[in-house]
Protein backbone atom coordinates (compact mmCIF):
# COMPACT_ATOMS: atom_id res chain seq x y z
CA MET A 1 39.22 12.24 -18.06
CA ALA A 2 37.23 15.22 -16.88
CA LYS A 3 33.52 14.46 -16.39
CA VAL A 4 32.49 17.09 -18.80
CA CYS A 5 30.53 16.98 -22.09
CA GLU A 6 32.63 18.46 -24.88
CA VAL A 7 29.65 19.76 -26.84
CA CYS A 8 27.50 21.51 -24.29
CA GLY A 9 29.66 21.63 -21.20
CA LYS A 10 27.50 19.74 -19.00
CA GLN A 11 29.34 18.62 -15.77
CA PRO A 12 28.66 17.30 -12.25
CA MET A 13 26.41 18.96 -10.02
CA LYS A 14 26.27 18.92 -6.05
CA GLY A 15 23.17 17.96 -4.14
CA LYS A 16 22.07 16.17 -1.03
CA SER A 17 20.45 12.79 -0.15
CA ILE A 18 17.83 13.13 2.31
CA ILE A 19 16.69 10.18 4.49
CA ARG A 20 13.15 10.63 6.18
CA HIS A 21 11.61 8.30 8.73
CA GLY A 22 8.12 8.14 9.97
CA LEU A 23 4.60 7.77 8.58
CA ALA A 24 3.13 10.59 6.81
CA LYS A 25 0.21 12.77 8.56
CA HIS A 26 -2.35 12.01 5.78
CA LYS A 27 -1.56 8.24 6.50
CA GLY A 28 -2.37 8.63 10.10
CA GLY A 29 1.19 9.18 11.51
CA ILE A 30 2.81 12.26 13.05
CA GLY A 31 4.61 13.35 9.99
CA LEU A 32 7.91 12.39 8.28
CA HIS A 33 11.20 13.51 10.20
CA THR A 34 14.49 14.15 8.60
CA THR A 35 16.94 11.70 10.07
CA GLY A 36 20.00 12.01 7.78
CA ILE A 37 21.53 14.35 5.16
CA SER A 38 24.53 13.32 3.24
CA LYS A 39 26.24 15.16 0.49
CA ARG A 40 26.26 13.54 -3.15
CA ARG A 41 27.02 14.21 -6.73
CA PHE A 42 24.82 13.98 -9.77
CA LEU A 43 26.90 13.04 -12.74
CA PRO A 44 26.09 13.57 -16.37
CA ASN A 45 25.41 10.48 -18.56
CA LEU A 46 28.65 10.69 -20.70
CA GLN A 47 29.56 8.52 -23.64
CA ARG A 48 32.65 7.96 -25.74
CA VAL A 49 31.50 8.34 -29.26
CA ARG A 50 33.24 8.68 -32.65
CA VAL A 51 32.25 12.09 -34.08
CA LEU A 52 32.80 13.63 -37.59
CA GLU A 53 34.81 16.77 -37.52
CA GLY A 54 36.24 18.39 -40.63
CA GLY A 55 35.97 14.84 -42.54
CA THR A 56 37.83 13.00 -40.01
CA SER A 57 36.37 10.88 -37.14
CA ARG A 58 37.48 11.66 -33.62
CA ARG A 59 36.58 10.37 -30.26
CA ARG A 60 34.70 12.66 -28.08
CA THR A 61 33.17 12.51 -24.72
CA VAL A 62 29.62 13.62 -25.10
CA CYS A 63 26.39 13.40 -22.91
CA ALA A 64 23.41 11.21 -23.95
CA ALA A 65 21.25 14.27 -24.31
CA CYS A 66 23.56 15.80 -27.15
CA ILE A 67 23.53 12.40 -28.90
CA ARG A 68 19.64 12.29 -28.70
CA GLU A 69 19.24 15.85 -29.96
CA GLY A 70 21.65 15.30 -32.95
CA LYS A 71 24.14 17.80 -31.98
CA VAL A 72 27.01 15.37 -33.01
CA THR A 73 27.24 13.61 -36.41
CA LYS A 74 28.37 9.88 -36.29
CA PRO A 75 30.51 8.54 -39.05
């Protein structure tokens, strides 16, 4: 199953997880230093939902934002 919303096309995005150590300057330290950067993925909040399409109900993979906005009609 692809991690893509079938209504709006929302899909995973790339990003980075940044790890910083040290005490901030405004707290009396010498500042934060980046000690590690690793790649990560931001996944959409997908749900399997029954959706009315043309009088019949079908299962669709839809993101939570589309469900909240009312872009899909439930039976």
